[in-house]
């Protein structure tokens, strides 16, 4: 750029010199016409004019060259600044190119990642579609199972009703079976009091313990306590006999059920000898009810190997607990 400016400036100087030479020739011709001097005088004058003008011209040219040199110096400074700026721009361009290359790599990587994500999204969408289909299938199966459960519940309700009816029938049948079993139950006992002779009188009322066992089917009679315990629920028939020999002494017994006096028998022996008395009763007993005979205070009895005093009980028939007590 600087060389182009210098060439332009020298071209301008040559053109200016040519114009001045032409101007000098015109002035010389004019002087020659006006003054009418001879050639020697004319050339001398021309020389003076040219020399003067040349001196001025070189002064001007020197000033202009000085100015041009200053401009050249300024242009060199400007060129150096522009070169530095250009170098900086080159560095910046290089940096930008590196950044662009890096960005291109990042964009390429991002595009690869985007492509991978698209593939993953496509795969996920396929999986979601498959899961939706499976959910739809599961919902259909659940609906079918609900219908089957509803049907099963209805069937269970029907079966419960049938089962309740069967249980009722079974309960009746069990009661009937139990009743039949109890009807076949055999309970009977017959016991004698003692072989020792006189029994009593005592200062307190006592329970008679019959020592001689004639029969005890069902093991209802207890030889230790003298009490009969009902093995089953039912109606029992009891008989008992009493005998006394002592003159002027009361003889007799009373029958007790669970501590409650049921029959009271008494006989006065005014003249002595064998005095007999008999009692009988039918009682409805619950299982484990107790029946026994008691001798009142001051009364006496007599028994020996002839078995004058006997206590007997027989189960007539059993009763079903569901039927309640008989009246």
Protein backbone atom coordinates (compact mmCIF):
# COMPACT_ATOMS: atom_id res chain seq x y z
CA UNK A 1 0.00 0.00 0.00
CA UNK A 2 2.90 2.35 0.82
CA UNK A 3 4.67 1.67 -2.56
CA UNK A 4 1.48 2.46 -4.40
CA UNK A 5 1.23 5.82 -2.58
CA UNK A 6 4.91 6.72 -3.49
CA UNK A 7 4.41 5.81 -7.18
CA UNK A 8 1.29 7.94 -7.28
CA UNK A 9 3.17 10.87 -5.72
CA UNK A 10 6.12 10.70 -8.24
CA UNK A 11 3.69 10.55 -11.13
CA UNK A 12 2.05 13.69 -9.82
CA UNK A 13 5.51 15.43 -9.64
CA UNK A 14 6.42 14.50 -13.29
CA UNK A 15 3.11 15.83 -14.51
CA UNK A 16 3.69 19.06 -12.58
CA UNK A 17 7.22 19.43 -14.09
CA UNK A 18 5.90 18.92 -17.63
CA UNK A 19 3.22 21.54 -17.06
CA UNK A 20 5.84 24.00 -15.76
CA UNK A 21 8.12 23.43 -18.76
CA UNK A 22 5.28 24.14 -21.10
CA UNK A 23 4.48 27.24 -19.10
CA UNK A 24 8.12 28.44 -19.37
CA UNK A 25 8.08 28.07 -23.14
CA UNK A 26 4.90 30.12 -23.38
CA UNK A 27 6.39 32.85 -21.18
CA UNK A 28 9.56 32.92 -23.25
CA UNK A 29 7.70 33.38 -26.46
CA UNK A 30 5.69 36.18 -24.91
CA UNK A 31 8.79 37.98 -23.70
CA UNK A 32 10.42 37.64 -27.04
CA UNK A 33 7.46 39.24 -28.75
CA UNK A 34 7.08 42.04 -26.28
CA UNK A 35 10.67 43.06 -25.55
CA UNK A 36 12.18 42.49 -28.96
CA UNK A 37 15.49 41.57 -27.24
CA UNK A 38 18.07 39.63 -29.03
CA UNK A 39 18.52 35.98 -28.54
CA UNK A 40 21.38 36.28 -26.04
CA UNK A 41 19.47 38.58 -23.83
CA UNK A 42 16.41 36.48 -24.13
CA UNK A 43 18.18 33.25 -23.19
CA UNK A 44 19.75 34.96 -20.27
CA UNK A 45 16.44 36.21 -19.05
CA UNK A 46 14.93 32.85 -19.62
CA UNK A 47 17.74 31.28 -17.66
CA UNK A 48 17.13 33.65 -14.80
CA UNK A 49 13.45 32.95 -14.84
CA UNK A 50 13.97 29.22 -15.06
CA UNK A 51 16.66 29.23 -12.41
CA UNK A 52 14.51 31.25 -10.06
CA UNK A 53 11.52 29.12 -10.68
CA UNK A 54 13.60 25.98 -10.38
CA UNK A 55 14.92 27.15 -7.03
CA UNK A 56 11.40 27.78 -5.85
CA UNK A 57 10.28 24.51 -7.31
CA UNK A 58 12.96 22.54 -5.49
CA UNK A 59 12.13 24.31 -2.26
CA UNK A 60 8.53 23.41 -2.71
CA UNK A 61 9.50 19.91 -3.78
CA UNK A 62 11.73 19.54 -0.72
CA UNK A 63 8.92 20.67 1.53
CA UNK A 64 6.60 18.31 -0.17
CA UNK A 65 9.13 15.45 0.10
CA UNK A 66 9.56 16.26 3.79
CA UNK A 67 5.80 16.16 4.20
CA UNK A 68 5.73 12.95 2.19
CA UNK A 69 8.41 11.45 4.41
CA UNK A 70 6.36 12.40 7.43
CA UNK A 71 3.33 10.85 5.79
CA UNK A 72 5.44 7.79 4.93
CA UNK A 73 6.61 7.62 8.56
CA UNK A 74 3.04 7.97 9.75
CA UNK A 75 1.97 5.38 7.19
CA UNK A 76 4.73 3.05 8.39
CA UNK A 77 3.55 3.54 11.97
CA UNK A 78 -0.01 2.99 10.82
CA UNK A 79 1.14 -0.03 8.79
CA UNK A 80 2.98 -1.40 11.87
CA UNK A 81 -0.14 -0.86 13.97
CA UNK A 82 -2.23 -2.48 11.27
CA UNK A 83 0.30 -5.34 11.07
CA UNK A 84 0.06 -5.80 14.86
CA UNK A 85 -3.70 -5.59 14.63
CA UNK A 86 -3.59 -8.03 11.71
CA UNK A 87 -1.42 -10.40 13.78
CA UNK A 88 -3.84 -10.07 16.67
CA UNK A 89 -6.71 -10.69 14.28
CA UNK A 90 -4.87 -13.73 12.92
CA UNK A 91 -4.42 -15.02 16.47
CA UNK A 92 -8.05 -14.32 17.20
CA UNK A 93 -9.07 -16.00 13.96
CA UNK A 94 -6.89 -19.00 14.86
CA UNK A 95 -8.48 -19.08 18.31
CA UNK A 96 -11.92 -18.71 16.76
CA UNK A 97 -11.13 -21.48 14.31
CA UNK A 98 -10.03 -23.70 17.20
CA UNK A 99 -13.21 -22.81 19.05
CA UNK A 100 -15.23 -23.46 15.91
CA UNK A 101 -13.51 -26.83 15.50
CA UNK A 102 -14.20 -27.62 19.15
CA UNK A 103 -17.81 -26.49 18.75
CA UNK A 104 -18.07 -28.64 15.63
CA UNK A 105 -16.81 -31.60 17.65
CA UNK A 106 -19.24 -30.79 20.42
CA UNK A 107 -22.06 -30.40 17.91
CA UNK A 108 -21.08 -33.73 16.36
CA UNK A 109 -21.05 -35.29 19.83
CA UNK A 110 -24.39 -33.64 20.64
CA UNK A 111 -25.84 -34.87 17.38
CA UNK A 112 -24.62 -38.38 18.21
CA UNK A 113 -26.15 -38.07 21.66
CA UNK A 114 -29.38 -36.72 20.17
CA UNK A 115 -29.45 -39.64 17.74
CA UNK A 116 -28.83 -42.04 20.63
CA UNK A 117 -31.54 -40.34 22.70
CA UNK A 118 -33.91 -40.58 19.74
CA UNK A 119 -33.18 -44.28 19.54
CA UNK A 120 -33.73 -44.62 23.27
CA UNK A 121 -36.96 -42.62 23.06
CA UNK A 122 -38.09 -44.83 20.20
CA UNK A 123 -37.23 -47.90 22.25
CA UNK A 124 -39.01 -46.43 25.29
CA UNK A 125 -42.06 -45.64 23.20
CA UNK A 126 -42.07 -49.20 21.94
CA UNK A 127 -41.78 -50.46 25.49
CA UNK A 128 -44.55 -48.10 26.64
CA UNK A 129 -46.77 -49.35 23.82
CA UNK A 130 -45.98 -52.93 24.82
CA UNK A 131 -46.69 -52.14 28.48
CA UNK A 132 -49.98 -50.49 27.50
CA UNK A 133 -50.92 -53.63 25.64
CA UNK A 134 -49.95 -55.72 28.63
CA UNK A 135 -51.91 -53.42 30.97
CA UNK A 136 -54.92 -53.69 28.67
CA UNK A 137 -54.55 -57.46 28.70
CA UNK A 138 -54.16 -57.44 32.50
CA UNK A 139 -57.24 -55.24 32.88
CA UNK A 140 -59.19 -57.65 30.73
CA UNK A 141 -57.94 -60.54 32.83
CA UNK A 142 -58.79 -58.64 36.04
CA UNK A 143 -62.28 -57.94 34.74
CA UNK A 144 -62.66 -61.62 33.88
CA UNK A 145 -61.35 -62.62 37.32
CA UNK A 146 -63.76 -60.17 38.97
CA UNK A 147 -66.61 -61.78 37.09
CA UNK A 148 -65.36 -65.20 38.12
CA UNK A 149 -64.99 -64.02 41.74
CA UNK A 150 -68.52 -62.61 41.66
CA UNK A 151 -69.75 -65.92 40.30
CA UNK A 152 -67.71 -67.78 42.93
CA UNK A 153 -69.09 -65.53 45.69
CA UNK A 154 -72.61 -66.28 44.52
CA UNK A 155 -71.78 -69.97 44.50
CA UNK A 156 -70.19 -69.67 47.95
CA UNK A 157 -73.32 -67.92 49.24
CA UNK A 158 -75.44 -70.73 47.85
CA UNK A 159 -73.08 -73.30 49.33
CA UNK A 160 -73.22 -71.51 52.69
CA UNK A 161 -77.00 -71.71 52.62
CA UNK A 162 -76.83 -75.37 51.67
CA UNK A 163 -74.16 -75.93 54.34
CA UNK A 164 -76.30 -74.19 56.96
CA UNK A 165 -79.21 -76.42 56.01
CA UNK A 166 -76.93 -79.46 56.12
CA UNK A 167 -75.53 -78.38 59.49
CA UNK A 168 -79.06 -78.00 60.83
CA UNK A 169 -79.95 -81.45 59.52
CA UNK A 170 -76.66 -82.80 60.90
CA UNK A 171 -77.39 -81.26 64.29
CA UNK A 172 -80.81 -82.90 64.29
CA UNK A 173 -79.25 -86.16 63.19
CA UNK A 174 -76.57 -85.91 65.89
CA UNK A 175 -79.25 -85.21 68.47
CA UNK A 176 -81.19 -88.21 67.24
CA UNK A 177 -78.05 -90.35 67.30
CA UNK A 178 -77.23 -89.14 70.80
CA UNK A 179 -80.79 -89.83 71.84
CA UNK A 180 -80.60 -93.31 70.36
CA UNK A 181 -77.25 -93.89 72.03
CA UNK A 182 -78.59 -92.70 75.35
CA UNK A 183 -81.70 -94.80 74.91
CA UNK A 184 -79.45 -97.83 74.75
CA UNK A 185 -77.55 -96.71 77.88
CA UNK A 186 -78.23 -99.10 80.77
CA UNK A 187 -78.05 -97.83 84.34
CA UNK A 188 -79.23 -99.79 87.39
CA UNK A 189 -78.03 -100.33 90.92
CA UNK A 190 -79.30 -102.18 94.00
CA UNK A 191 -77.45 -102.12 97.34
CA UNK A 192 -78.00 -103.42 100.89
CA UNK A 193 -77.18 -101.41 104.01
CA UNK A 194 -75.18 -103.73 106.31
CA UNK A 195 -74.88 -107.11 108.00
CA UNK A 196 -73.98 -105.53 111.35
CA UNK A 197 -77.46 -105.26 112.88
CA UNK A 198 -78.46 -101.97 114.50
CA UNK A 199 -77.62 -98.68 112.81
CA UNK A 200 -78.18 -95.60 114.97
CA UNK A 201 -79.50 -93.65 116.64
CA UNK A 202 -76.89 -90.88 116.12
CA UNK A 203 -76.51 -87.44 117.64
CA UNK A 204 -76.52 -85.86 114.15
CA UNK A 205 -78.15 -86.60 110.84
CA UNK A 206 -76.03 -88.86 108.61
CA UNK A 207 -75.94 -90.06 105.01
CA UNK A 208 -76.44 -93.81 104.86
CA UNK A 209 -73.64 -95.70 103.12
CA UNK A 210 -74.91 -98.98 101.72
CA UNK A 211 -72.10 -101.51 101.94
CA UNK A 212 -73.50 -104.52 100.08
CA UNK A 213 -73.52 -104.23 96.29
CA UNK A 214 -76.05 -106.42 94.52
CA UNK A 215 -75.67 -104.71 91.14
CA UNK A 216 -74.14 -101.46 89.88
CA UNK A 217 -74.56 -101.30 86.09
CA UNK A 218 -73.15 -98.02 84.78
CA UNK A 219 -71.15 -97.49 88.04
CA UNK A 220 -73.51 -94.75 89.18
CA UNK A 221 -73.42 -95.74 92.87
CA UNK A 222 -70.39 -94.75 94.99
CA UNK A 223 -69.70 -97.17 97.89
CA UNK A 224 -67.52 -94.56 99.63
CA UNK A 225 -70.07 -91.76 99.83
CA UNK A 226 -73.31 -93.78 99.60
CA UNK A 227 -74.51 -91.46 96.82
CA UNK A 228 -75.81 -92.25 93.34
CA UNK A 229 -74.52 -89.92 90.54
CA UNK A 230 -76.61 -89.92 87.34
CA UNK A 231 -74.35 -91.00 84.44
CA UNK A 232 -76.76 -89.55 81.85
CA UNK A 233 -79.70 -87.22 81.70
CA UNK A 234 -82.99 -89.05 82.03
CA UNK A 235 -85.82 -90.30 84.21
CA UNK A 236 -84.86 -92.66 87.04
CA UNK A 237 -87.02 -94.80 89.31
CA UNK A 238 -85.88 -95.24 92.93
CA UNK A 239 -87.18 -97.62 95.64
CA UNK A 240 -85.99 -98.11 99.21
CA UNK A 241 -87.03 -100.16 102.25
CA UNK A 242 -86.50 -99.52 105.94
CA UNK A 243 -86.82 -101.80 108.97
CA UNK A 244 -86.62 -101.27 112.76
CA UNK A 245 -86.74 -103.58 115.81
CA UNK A 246 -86.25 -101.33 118.85
CA UNK A 247 -89.51 -100.64 120.79
CA UNK A 248 -90.43 -96.97 121.13
CA UNK A 249 -87.87 -95.88 118.54
CA UNK A 250 -88.64 -94.03 115.32
CA UNK A 251 -87.34 -95.64 112.22
CA UNK A 252 -87.28 -94.39 108.61
CA UNK A 253 -85.27 -92.37 106.09
CA UNK A 254 -85.74 -89.51 103.70
CA UNK A 255 -84.57 -89.32 100.08
CA UNK A 256 -82.42 -86.34 99.03
CA UNK A 257 -81.64 -84.95 95.54
CA UNK A 258 -78.71 -82.52 95.39
CA UNK A 259 -79.29 -81.55 99.04
CA UNK A 260 -83.05 -81.13 98.62
CA UNK A 261 -85.34 -83.45 100.62
CA UNK A 262 -87.70 -85.19 98.18
CA UNK A 263 -89.42 -87.96 100.28
CA UNK A 264 -89.81 -88.13 104.07
CA UNK A 265 -90.80 -91.53 105.56
CA UNK A 266 -91.11 -92.21 109.31
CA UNK A 267 -92.55 -95.07 111.37
CA UNK A 268 -92.97 -95.42 115.16
CA UNK A 269 -92.25 -98.89 116.63
CA UNK A 270 -94.46 -98.93 119.71
CA UNK A 271 -94.34 -102.64 120.56
CA UNK A 272 -90.98 -103.79 119.19
CA UNK A 273 -90.50 -106.50 116.58
CA UNK A 274 -89.88 -106.11 112.87
CA UNK A 275 -91.44 -102.94 111.48
CA UNK A 276 -91.02 -102.32 107.70
CA UNK A 277 -91.55 -99.28 105.54
CA UNK A 278 -91.16 -98.85 101.77
CA UNK A 279 -90.87 -95.76 99.52
CA UNK A 280 -90.58 -95.17 95.76
CA UNK A 281 -90.25 -92.20 93.44
CA UNK A 282 -89.45 -91.38 89.77
CA UNK A 283 -87.11 -88.38 89.29
CA UNK A 284 -85.89 -86.53 86.20
CA UNK A 285 -82.17 -86.06 86.67
CA UNK A 286 -79.49 -84.12 84.87
CA UNK A 287 -76.14 -85.74 84.31
CA UNK A 288 -74.13 -85.84 87.59
CA UNK A 289 -77.16 -85.10 89.80
CA UNK A 290 -76.82 -86.81 93.22
CA UNK A 291 -79.47 -88.95 94.96
CA UNK A 292 -78.95 -90.50 98.40
CA UNK A 293 -80.73 -91.49 101.66
CA UNK A 294 -80.25 -89.85 105.05
CA UNK A 295 -81.00 -91.04 108.60
CA UNK A 296 -82.41 -88.28 110.85
CA UNK A 297 -80.96 -87.53 114.29
CA UNK A 298 -82.22 -89.98 116.99
CA UNK A 299 -83.67 -92.52 114.54
CA UNK A 300 -82.52 -96.12 114.22
CA UNK A 301 -82.52 -98.98 111.71
CA UNK A 302 -81.76 -102.67 111.72
CA UNK A 303 -80.27 -104.83 108.97
CA UNK A 304 -78.52 -108.17 108.76
CA UNK A 305 -77.65 -110.79 106.22
CA UNK A 306 -81.30 -111.05 105.25
CA UNK A 307 -81.06 -107.64 103.58
CA UNK A 308 -84.03 -105.92 105.17
CA UNK A 309 -82.87 -102.47 104.05
CA UNK A 310 -82.31 -102.08 100.30
CA UNK A 311 -81.76 -98.99 98.06
CA UNK A 312 -82.46 -99.46 94.31
CA UNK A 313 -82.36 -97.15 91.27
CA UNK A 314 -83.08 -97.81 87.57
CA UNK A 315 -82.80 -95.58 84.45
CA UNK A 316 -86.20 -95.71 82.77
CA UNK A 317 -85.21 -93.68 79.68
CA UNK A 318 -82.87 -90.89 78.67
CA UNK A 319 -83.95 -87.39 77.66
CA UNK A 320 -82.47 -85.13 74.95
CA UNK A 321 -81.03 -81.86 76.36
CA UNK A 322 -82.49 -80.02 73.35
CA UNK A 323 -85.98 -81.13 74.37
CA UNK A 324 -85.83 -79.49 77.78
CA UNK A 325 -87.07 -80.95 81.02
CA UNK A 326 -90.11 -83.19 81.12
CA UNK A 327 -93.13 -82.00 83.10
